[in-house]
Amino acid sequence: MSQVKAPISVLIICKNEVDMIADCLRSVDFCAEIVVVDSGSTDGTLECIADYVAKGYPIRLFHNDWPGFARQRLFALQQATQPWCLCIEADERADAELRQSIIEITGSGRNDIDGWFVRRRDYLKGYGYAHRWVAHNRIFRFFRRDKATMDIAQRVHESFRVPGRTTLIEKGMLLHRRATSLTEDLKRTNSYSSLKVEAQVEQGDKPSMSRLVFSPWINFLKFYVGKRYFLCGRYGYVHSAMVFLYSYVTEAKLFEARMVDDPNSVIPD
């Protein structure tokens, strides 16, 4: 375990992550506090966390019944005590370069930036971590605790926000290690698209024929060509095709939801 203890509260929400949580905890052992919020694990996750508590990891474990992604992350934030927060998933781990970058940021004394984006390198089943030349997704994960807020109306793809300047951590990545099957990906696509549409309906969003037709292809090309997932061969194609499917299913479900509300509605051009 690292002897360095940066003034950071790690925020982890989880349920039934016994195969992933250990690597995640080891990758953030340089932080002064690890806040874990579990929503009812039954697979040995809690026992695994207890083992790391016994090893001296600065873990504070909480149980909170599942209220949705945004509210659960907000609950985790409310338990944090350190001036900085690192939000990380149970199936992610910080690589050595990212660890060093974060330590340098917290020790720099600069106060002109409220939050940082980090690159996340996805794991493609059958291929491994995406090619190093892929344009990895940038996600907002590191920020000043007292500046952070969360929009609890978000159902999926939720993220903390800060009012001030943000930038990208140039060195290091989060490694997203979850080798899911296509069946599992399809289940997640179905679940996440439903959550997104629920939020869209609440916000008054309306379906669009042009989005239904073009948005899936635009998103596919964004990933396969723009982000260079073609470098991962057929695995990159499948990954990009799942992005296409998520986009299409979301738009189709929004159309369906509006048709239920108003059977005479027509999708505008």
Protein backbone atom coordinates (compact mmCIF):
# COMPACT_ATOMS: atom_id res chain seq x y z
CA MET A 1 0.00 0.00 0.00
CA SER A 2 1.28 3.45 -0.93
CA GLN A 3 2.73 5.57 1.87
CA VAL A 4 1.66 8.74 0.05
CA LYS A 5 -1.70 10.01 1.23
CA ALA A 6 -2.92 12.83 -0.99
CA PRO A 7 -5.80 14.94 0.41
CA ILE A 8 -8.39 13.21 -1.75
CA SER A 9 -11.70 11.47 -1.06
CA VAL A 10 -12.27 8.69 -3.57
CA LEU A 11 -15.98 8.19 -4.36
CA ILE A 12 -17.08 4.66 -5.31
CA ILE A 13 -20.66 3.42 -5.64
CA CYS A 14 -21.11 -0.31 -6.09
CA LYS A 15 -23.23 -3.42 -5.89
CA ASN A 16 -22.00 -6.98 -6.47
CA GLU A 17 -18.52 -6.07 -7.73
CA VAL A 18 -16.48 -8.78 -6.03
CA ASP A 19 -14.51 -9.48 -9.25
CA MET A 20 -13.57 -5.82 -9.75
CA ILE A 21 -13.44 -3.92 -6.46
CA ALA A 22 -10.05 -5.16 -5.23
CA ASP A 23 -8.08 -3.82 -8.21
CA CYS A 24 -10.00 -0.55 -7.96
CA LEU A 25 -9.14 -0.11 -4.27
CA ARG A 26 -5.46 -0.91 -4.82
CA SER A 27 -5.23 1.69 -7.57
CA VAL A 28 -6.37 4.53 -5.26
CA ASP A 29 -4.36 3.59 -2.17
CA PHE A 30 -2.50 6.91 -2.46
CA CYS A 31 -5.62 8.83 -1.35
CA ALA A 32 -6.37 9.85 2.23
CA GLU A 33 -9.97 8.57 2.15
CA ILE A 34 -11.94 6.01 0.15
CA VAL A 35 -15.71 6.44 0.43
CA VAL A 36 -17.54 3.31 -0.71
CA VAL A 37 -21.34 3.38 -0.95
CA ASP A 38 -22.86 -0.07 -1.42
CA SER A 39 -26.51 -0.61 -2.29
CA GLY A 40 -26.89 -4.21 -1.19
CA SER A 41 -24.11 -6.52 -2.39
CA THR A 42 -24.60 -10.26 -1.82
CA ASP A 43 -21.70 -11.72 -3.82
CA GLY A 44 -18.78 -11.19 -1.43
CA THR A 45 -18.09 -7.55 -2.28
CA LEU A 46 -18.53 -6.44 1.33
CA GLU A 47 -16.22 -9.16 2.60
CA CYS A 48 -13.59 -8.12 0.06
CA ILE A 49 -13.86 -4.49 1.20
CA ALA A 50 -13.55 -5.62 4.83
CA ASP A 51 -10.29 -7.40 3.95
CA TYR A 52 -8.85 -4.13 2.64
CA VAL A 53 -10.04 -2.26 5.72
CA ALA A 54 -8.11 -4.83 7.78
CA LYS A 55 -5.03 -4.16 5.63
CA GLY A 56 -5.14 -0.51 6.64
CA TYR A 57 -6.83 1.05 3.63
CA PRO A 58 -8.62 4.29 4.63
CA ILE A 59 -12.04 2.99 3.59
CA ARG A 60 -15.31 4.36 4.95
CA LEU A 61 -18.10 1.98 3.94
CA PHE A 62 -21.73 3.08 3.81
CA HIS A 63 -24.94 1.32 2.83
CA ASN A 64 -27.56 3.30 0.95
CA ASP A 65 -30.56 1.74 -0.79
CA TRP A 66 -30.42 2.45 -4.50
CA PRO A 67 -31.99 5.87 -5.27
CA GLY A 68 -30.63 6.19 -8.83
CA PHE A 69 -27.17 7.00 -10.15
CA ALA A 70 -27.17 10.75 -9.54
CA ARG A 71 -28.57 10.61 -6.01
CA GLN A 72 -26.21 7.79 -5.05
CA ARG A 73 -23.18 9.74 -6.23
CA LEU A 74 -24.43 12.81 -4.40
CA PHE A 75 -24.77 10.72 -1.23
CA ALA A 76 -21.15 9.60 -1.64
CA LEU A 77 -20.02 13.20 -2.09
CA GLN A 78 -21.84 14.21 1.09
CA GLN A 79 -19.78 11.67 3.08
CA ALA A 80 -16.44 12.98 1.78
CA THR A 81 -14.15 15.00 4.07
CA GLN A 82 -11.08 15.77 1.97
CA PRO A 83 -10.64 18.96 -0.14
CA TRP A 84 -10.38 16.98 -3.40
CA CYS A 85 -12.57 14.21 -4.80
CA LEU A 86 -11.84 11.48 -7.34
CA CYS A 87 -14.96 9.75 -8.67
CA ILE A 88 -14.17 6.24 -9.91
CA GLU A 89 -16.22 3.18 -10.83
CA ALA A 90 -15.65 -0.20 -9.22
CA ASP A 91 -14.58 -1.62 -12.61
CA GLU A 92 -12.00 1.13 -13.19
CA ARG A 93 -8.48 1.63 -11.92
CA ALA A 94 -6.10 4.58 -12.06
CA ASP A 95 -2.86 3.78 -13.90
CA ALA A 96 0.53 4.81 -12.53
CA GLU A 97 0.76 7.98 -14.63
CA LEU A 98 -2.67 9.18 -13.57
CA ARG A 99 -1.84 8.56 -9.93
CA GLN A 100 1.27 10.69 -10.23
CA SER A 101 -0.54 13.43 -12.14
CA ILE A 102 -3.23 13.67 -9.46
CA ILE A 103 -0.67 13.79 -6.66
CA GLU A 104 1.15 16.62 -8.46
CA ILE A 105 -2.09 18.59 -8.91
CA THR A 106 -3.00 18.39 -5.23
CA GLY A 107 0.49 19.48 -4.24
CA SER A 108 0.82 22.32 -6.73
CA GLY A 109 -1.06 24.92 -4.69
CA ARG A 110 -2.79 26.32 -7.77
CA ASN A 111 -6.35 27.51 -7.26
CA ASP A 112 -7.37 28.61 -10.77
CA ILE A 113 -8.93 25.28 -11.77
CA ASP A 114 -11.93 23.64 -10.09
CA GLY A 115 -11.99 20.32 -11.92
CA TRP A 116 -10.21 17.99 -14.31
CA PHE A 117 -11.26 15.60 -17.03
CA VAL A 118 -9.42 12.31 -17.39
CA ARG A 119 -9.10 9.94 -20.32
CA ARG A 120 -10.67 6.50 -19.95
CA ARG A 121 -9.34 3.54 -21.90
CA ASP A 122 -12.00 0.91 -22.51
CA TYR A 123 -11.42 -2.83 -22.55
CA LEU A 124 -12.83 -4.64 -25.58
CA LYS A 125 -13.62 -8.30 -25.01
CA GLY A 126 -11.40 -10.48 -27.18
CA TYR A 127 -9.04 -7.58 -27.96
CA GLY A 128 -7.90 -6.04 -24.69
CA TYR A 129 -7.52 -2.36 -23.92
CA ALA A 130 -8.34 -0.20 -26.91
CA HIS A 131 -5.45 0.71 -29.21
CA ARG A 132 -3.22 3.43 -27.79
CA TRP A 133 -4.01 5.69 -30.76
CA VAL A 134 -7.75 5.59 -30.13
CA ALA A 135 -9.15 8.96 -29.00
CA HIS A 136 -10.20 7.75 -25.57
CA ASN A 137 -13.27 9.29 -23.95
CA ARG A 138 -12.74 12.29 -21.68
CA ILE A 139 -14.81 12.18 -18.51
CA PHE A 140 -15.08 14.61 -15.60
CA ARG A 141 -13.85 12.79 -12.51
CA PHE A 142 -11.46 14.92 -10.39
CA PHE A 143 -12.59 18.11 -8.67
CA ARG A 144 -12.63 20.31 -5.58
CA ARG A 145 -15.15 18.94 -3.10
CA ASP A 146 -16.57 22.26 -1.99
CA LYS A 147 -17.21 23.33 -5.61
CA ALA A 148 -19.03 20.20 -6.82
CA THR A 149 -22.75 19.85 -7.48
CA MET A 150 -24.88 17.11 -9.04
CA ASP A 151 -28.08 17.45 -11.06
CA ILE A 152 -30.24 14.79 -9.42
CA ALA A 153 -32.65 14.89 -12.37
CA GLN A 154 -30.06 13.01 -14.42
CA ARG A 155 -30.97 9.34 -14.76
CA VAL A 156 -27.87 8.08 -16.60
CA HIS A 157 -24.52 9.44 -17.80
CA GLU A 158 -24.60 11.65 -14.73
CA SER A 159 -21.59 13.77 -13.84
CA PHE A 160 -20.53 16.17 -11.13
CA ARG A 161 -20.24 19.82 -12.10
CA VAL A 162 -18.14 22.75 -10.91
CA PRO A 163 -18.69 26.45 -11.57
CA GLY A 164 -15.13 27.39 -12.43
CA ARG A 165 -12.49 26.48 -14.97
CA THR A 166 -11.90 22.86 -15.97
CA THR A 167 -9.14 21.21 -17.95
CA LEU A 168 -7.73 17.81 -18.94
CA ILE A 169 -5.16 15.76 -17.07
CA GLU A 170 -2.70 15.15 -19.91
CA LYS A 171 -0.78 12.19 -18.45
CA GLY A 172 -2.41 8.99 -17.28
CA MET A 173 -5.72 7.22 -17.76
CA LEU A 174 -8.50 5.38 -16.03
CA LEU A 175 -8.48 1.78 -17.22
CA HIS A 176 -12.03 0.52 -17.68
CA ARG A 177 -11.72 -3.24 -17.21
CA ARG A 178 -15.06 -4.97 -17.73
CA ALA A 179 -15.04 -7.69 -20.35
CA THR A 180 -18.78 -7.92 -20.86
CA SER A 181 -20.47 -10.27 -23.29
CA LEU A 182 -22.63 -8.98 -26.13
CA THR A 183 -25.68 -10.22 -24.23
CA GLU A 184 -24.68 -8.12 -21.19
CA ASP A 185 -24.01 -5.11 -23.41
CA LEU A 186 -27.47 -5.43 -24.92
CA LYS A 187 -29.06 -5.56 -21.47
CA ARG A 188 -27.15 -2.44 -20.43
CA THR A 189 -28.13 -0.68 -23.66
CA ASN A 190 -31.76 -1.48 -23.02
CA SER A 191 -31.60 -0.32 -19.39
CA TYR A 192 -29.62 2.89 -19.98
CA SER A 193 -31.69 3.94 -22.99
CA SER A 194 -34.88 3.57 -20.93
CA LEU A 195 -33.42 5.72 -18.15
CA LYS A 196 -32.34 8.37 -20.64
CA VAL A 197 -35.76 8.49 -22.26
CA GLU A 198 -37.46 8.85 -18.87
CA ALA A 199 -35.37 11.96 -18.26
CA GLN A 200 -36.05 13.27 -21.78
CA VAL A 201 -39.80 12.88 -21.33
CA GLU A 202 -39.67 14.71 -18.00
CA GLN A 203 -37.74 17.54 -19.68
CA GLY A 204 -40.31 17.79 -22.47
CA ASP A 205 -38.04 16.56 -25.26
CA LYS A 206 -39.83 15.57 -28.45
CA PRO A 207 -38.85 12.93 -31.01
CA SER A 208 -37.39 13.96 -34.33
CA MET A 209 -37.42 12.02 -37.58
CA SER A 210 -34.04 13.43 -38.57
CA ARG A 211 -32.49 12.33 -35.24
CA LEU A 212 -34.05 8.89 -35.54
CA VAL A 213 -32.51 8.43 -39.00
CA PHE A 214 -29.18 10.21 -38.74
CA SER A 215 -28.12 10.25 -35.07
CA PRO A 216 -27.21 6.52 -34.91
CA TRP A 217 -24.99 6.78 -38.01
CA ILE A 218 -23.36 10.00 -36.81
CA ASN A 219 -22.51 8.38 -33.48
CA PHE A 220 -21.21 5.23 -35.18
CA LEU A 221 -18.90 7.26 -37.41
CA LYS A 222 -17.83 9.42 -34.48
CA PHE A 223 -16.50 6.33 -32.70
CA TYR A 224 -15.38 4.09 -35.57
CA VAL A 225 -13.69 6.81 -37.63
CA GLY A 226 -13.44 9.94 -35.49
CA LYS A 227 -12.20 8.17 -32.35
CA ARG A 228 -10.29 5.65 -34.51
CA TYR A 229 -11.82 2.47 -33.12
CA PHE A 230 -11.20 0.97 -36.57
CA LEU A 231 -7.66 0.43 -35.26
CA CYS A 232 -9.10 -2.31 -33.03
CA GLY A 233 -10.29 -4.36 -36.01
CA ARG A 234 -13.61 -6.17 -35.80
CA TYR A 235 -13.71 -5.58 -32.03
CA GLY A 236 -13.67 -1.85 -32.61
CA TYR A 237 -16.43 -2.26 -35.21
CA VAL A 238 -18.62 -4.14 -32.71
CA HIS A 239 -17.94 -1.50 -30.05
CA SER A 240 -18.93 1.29 -32.44
CA ALA A 241 -22.00 -0.66 -33.60
CA MET A 242 -23.18 -0.84 -29.98
CA VAL A 243 -22.95 2.96 -29.86
CA PHE A 244 -25.11 3.02 -33.02
CA LEU A 245 -27.63 0.70 -31.38
CA TYR A 246 -27.80 2.73 -28.15
CA SER A 247 -28.44 5.90 -30.13
CA TYR A 248 -31.13 4.26 -32.29
CA VAL A 249 -32.93 2.55 -29.41
CA THR A 250 -32.97 5.77 -27.39
CA GLU A 251 -34.54 7.75 -30.24
CA ALA A 252 -37.03 4.96 -30.99
CA LYS A 253 -38.07 4.70 -27.33
CA LEU A 254 -38.59 8.46 -27.16
CA PHE A 255 -40.90 8.19 -30.20
CA GLU A 256 -42.75 5.31 -28.55
CA ALA A 257 -43.12 7.20 -25.27
CA ARG A 258 -44.60 10.21 -27.04
CA MET A 259 -46.97 8.00 -29.01
CA VAL A 260 -48.27 6.56 -25.73
CA ASP A 261 -48.85 10.10 -24.41
CA ASP A 262 -50.45 11.23 -27.66
CA PRO A 263 -51.45 8.49 -30.14
CA ASN A 264 -52.10 11.16 -32.79
CA SER A 265 -48.65 12.70 -32.50
CA VAL A 266 -46.37 12.83 -35.52
CA ILE A 267 -42.60 12.96 -35.43
CA PRO A 268 -41.56 16.46 -36.61
CA ASP A 269 -39.02 16.78 -39.38
